[in-house]
Protein backbone atom coordinates (compact mmCIF):
# COMPACT_ATOMS: atom_id res chain seq x y z
CA UNK A 1 97.01 109.53 120.69
CA UNK A 2 93.83 108.79 118.75
CA UNK A 3 93.67 106.31 116.00
CA UNK A 4 93.09 109.04 113.55
CA UNK A 5 96.25 110.85 114.77
CA UNK A 6 98.29 107.62 114.49
CA UNK A 7 97.20 107.08 110.95
CA UNK A 8 97.81 110.68 109.97
CA UNK A 9 101.28 110.54 111.48
CA UNK A 10 102.02 107.37 109.50
CA UNK A 11 100.73 109.07 106.33
CA UNK A 12 102.96 112.00 107.00
CA UNK A 13 105.97 109.69 107.43
CA UNK A 14 105.06 108.00 104.10
CA UNK A 15 104.83 111.29 102.33
CA UNK A 16 108.16 112.44 103.82
CA UNK A 17 109.74 109.20 102.53
CA UNK A 18 108.24 109.76 99.00
CA UNK A 19 109.76 113.29 98.97
CA UNK A 20 113.27 111.93 99.78
CA UNK A 21 113.07 108.92 97.47
CA UNK A 22 111.66 110.98 94.65
CA UNK A 23 114.74 113.27 94.84
CA UNK A 24 117.16 110.45 95.01
CA UNK A 25 115.70 108.38 92.19
CA UNK A 26 116.49 111.17 89.75
CA UNK A 27 120.21 110.82 90.30
CA UNK A 28 121.91 107.86 88.65
CA UNK A 29 124.75 107.51 91.28
CA UNK A 30 122.36 107.80 94.21
CA UNK A 31 119.76 105.46 92.58
CA UNK A 32 122.29 102.71 92.25
CA UNK A 33 123.60 103.15 95.79
CA UNK A 34 122.68 100.23 98.04
CA UNK A 35 121.50 102.68 100.73
CA UNK A 36 118.84 103.85 98.27
CA UNK A 37 117.71 100.32 97.75
CA UNK A 38 117.45 99.83 101.52
CA UNK A 39 115.43 102.99 101.79
CA UNK A 40 113.14 101.81 99.08
CA UNK A 41 112.55 98.45 100.80
CA UNK A 42 111.93 100.27 104.07
CA UNK A 43 109.41 102.47 102.22
CA UNK A 44 107.53 99.39 100.98
CA UNK A 45 107.55 97.86 104.49
CA UNK A 46 106.25 101.14 106.01
CA UNK A 47 103.34 101.15 103.50
CA UNK A 48 102.52 97.55 104.29
CA UNK A 49 102.69 98.19 107.95
CA UNK A 50 100.32 101.23 107.58
CA UNK A 51 97.86 99.28 105.59
CA UNK A 52 97.81 96.43 108.08
CA UNK A 53 97.40 98.88 110.93
CA UNK A 54 94.44 100.51 109.11
CA UNK A 55 93.02 96.98 108.54
CA UNK A 56 93.29 95.92 112.12
CA UNK A 57 91.90 99.12 113.58
CA UNK A 58 89.98 101.50 111.31
CA UNK A 59 88.02 98.94 109.32
CA UNK A 60 87.01 97.08 112.41
CA UNK A 61 85.71 100.29 113.87
CA UNK A 62 83.81 101.30 110.63
CA UNK A 63 82.38 98.00 109.25
CA UNK A 64 79.61 97.72 111.88
CA UNK A 65 78.40 101.26 111.22
CA UNK A 66 75.94 100.43 108.41
CA UNK A 67 73.79 103.50 108.77
CA UNK A 68 76.34 106.26 108.61
CA UNK A 69 77.98 105.34 105.30
CA UNK A 70 81.15 104.27 107.22
CA UNK A 71 80.53 100.60 106.23
CA UNK A 72 80.59 101.42 102.49
CA UNK A 73 83.70 103.53 102.80
CA UNK A 74 85.54 100.83 104.77
CA UNK A 75 84.57 98.21 102.06
CA UNK A 76 85.87 100.57 99.35
CA UNK A 77 89.18 100.98 101.23
CA UNK A 78 89.47 97.26 101.84
CA UNK A 79 89.11 96.62 98.09
CA UNK A 80 91.60 99.43 97.30
CA UNK A 81 94.00 97.98 99.90
CA UNK A 82 94.16 94.56 98.25
CA UNK A 83 94.78 96.17 94.86
CA UNK A 84 97.45 98.38 96.38
CA UNK A 85 99.14 95.46 98.19
CA UNK A 86 99.21 93.37 94.93
CA UNK A 87 100.83 96.38 93.12
CA UNK A 88 103.36 96.95 95.82
CA UNK A 89 104.31 93.26 96.08
CA UNK A 90 104.72 92.99 92.29
CA UNK A 91 106.86 96.08 92.35
CA UNK A 92 109.04 94.90 95.28
CA UNK A 93 109.44 91.45 93.66
CA UNK A 94 110.44 92.98 90.38
CA UNK A 95 112.51 96.07 91.23
CA UNK A 96 113.79 95.95 94.87
CA UNK A 97 117.19 94.60 93.94
CA UNK A 98 120.29 96.63 93.20
CA UNK A 99 121.96 97.65 90.95
CA UNK A 100 119.87 98.23 87.81
CA UNK A 101 121.49 98.29 84.46
CA UNK A 102 121.25 101.19 82.04
CA UNK A 103 118.57 99.38 79.99
CA UNK A 104 116.18 99.07 82.94
CA UNK A 105 116.79 102.50 84.73
CA UNK A 106 114.08 104.40 82.81
CA UNK A 107 111.40 101.73 83.44
CA UNK A 108 112.49 101.53 87.12
CA UNK A 109 112.18 105.24 87.59
CA UNK A 110 108.83 105.46 85.79
CA UNK A 111 107.35 102.58 87.72
CA UNK A 112 108.62 103.92 91.00
CA UNK A 113 107.22 107.43 90.38
CA UNK A 114 103.96 105.71 89.46
CA UNK A 115 104.06 103.93 92.87
CA UNK A 116 104.73 107.23 94.58
CA UNK A 117 101.75 108.67 92.86
CA UNK A 118 99.45 105.82 93.70
CA UNK A 119 100.45 105.96 97.36
CA UNK A 120 100.10 109.77 97.46
CA UNK A 121 96.62 109.41 95.99
CA UNK A 122 95.67 106.80 98.57
CA UNK A 123 96.83 109.08 101.32
CA UNK A 124 94.80 111.82 99.95
CA UNK A 125 91.67 109.61 99.79
CA UNK A 126 92.23 108.54 103.40
CA UNK A 127 92.29 112.10 104.45
CA UNK A 128 89.15 113.06 102.59
CA UNK A 129 86.97 109.94 102.75
CA UNK A 130 88.16 107.59 105.55
CA UNK A 131 89.46 109.83 108.29
CA UNK A 132 86.18 111.80 108.76
CA UNK A 133 84.54 108.58 110.06
CA UNK A 134 87.33 107.73 112.44
CA UNK A 135 87.50 109.15 115.97
């Protein structure tokens, strides 16, 4: 399997997780279930693992290619990755604990949906801008 295929498979797994978690988060009883919290923690780990995999492989491949534009794209993704890691770490530190009380549920749902949106956007950018440079 090529690097590009590996990363695309990881992205599809992340999108599948978002689809399930997005459904579960809209249901109070399911959202407060410890299994949901475990799935959410697993989701954040999956994203971190994907970003690390990309960093170890894709950026190493692209950074030396200064003439093709791959170098600039890799640098953009490295910067975006550090921002996304900070957001994900702050989110996990703040919200990945169960159960949530009634007062914090709305904020938790809103921030989680925002995370889902950010991650989905990142995956879309990888498809459009990063993967064309990866073999």
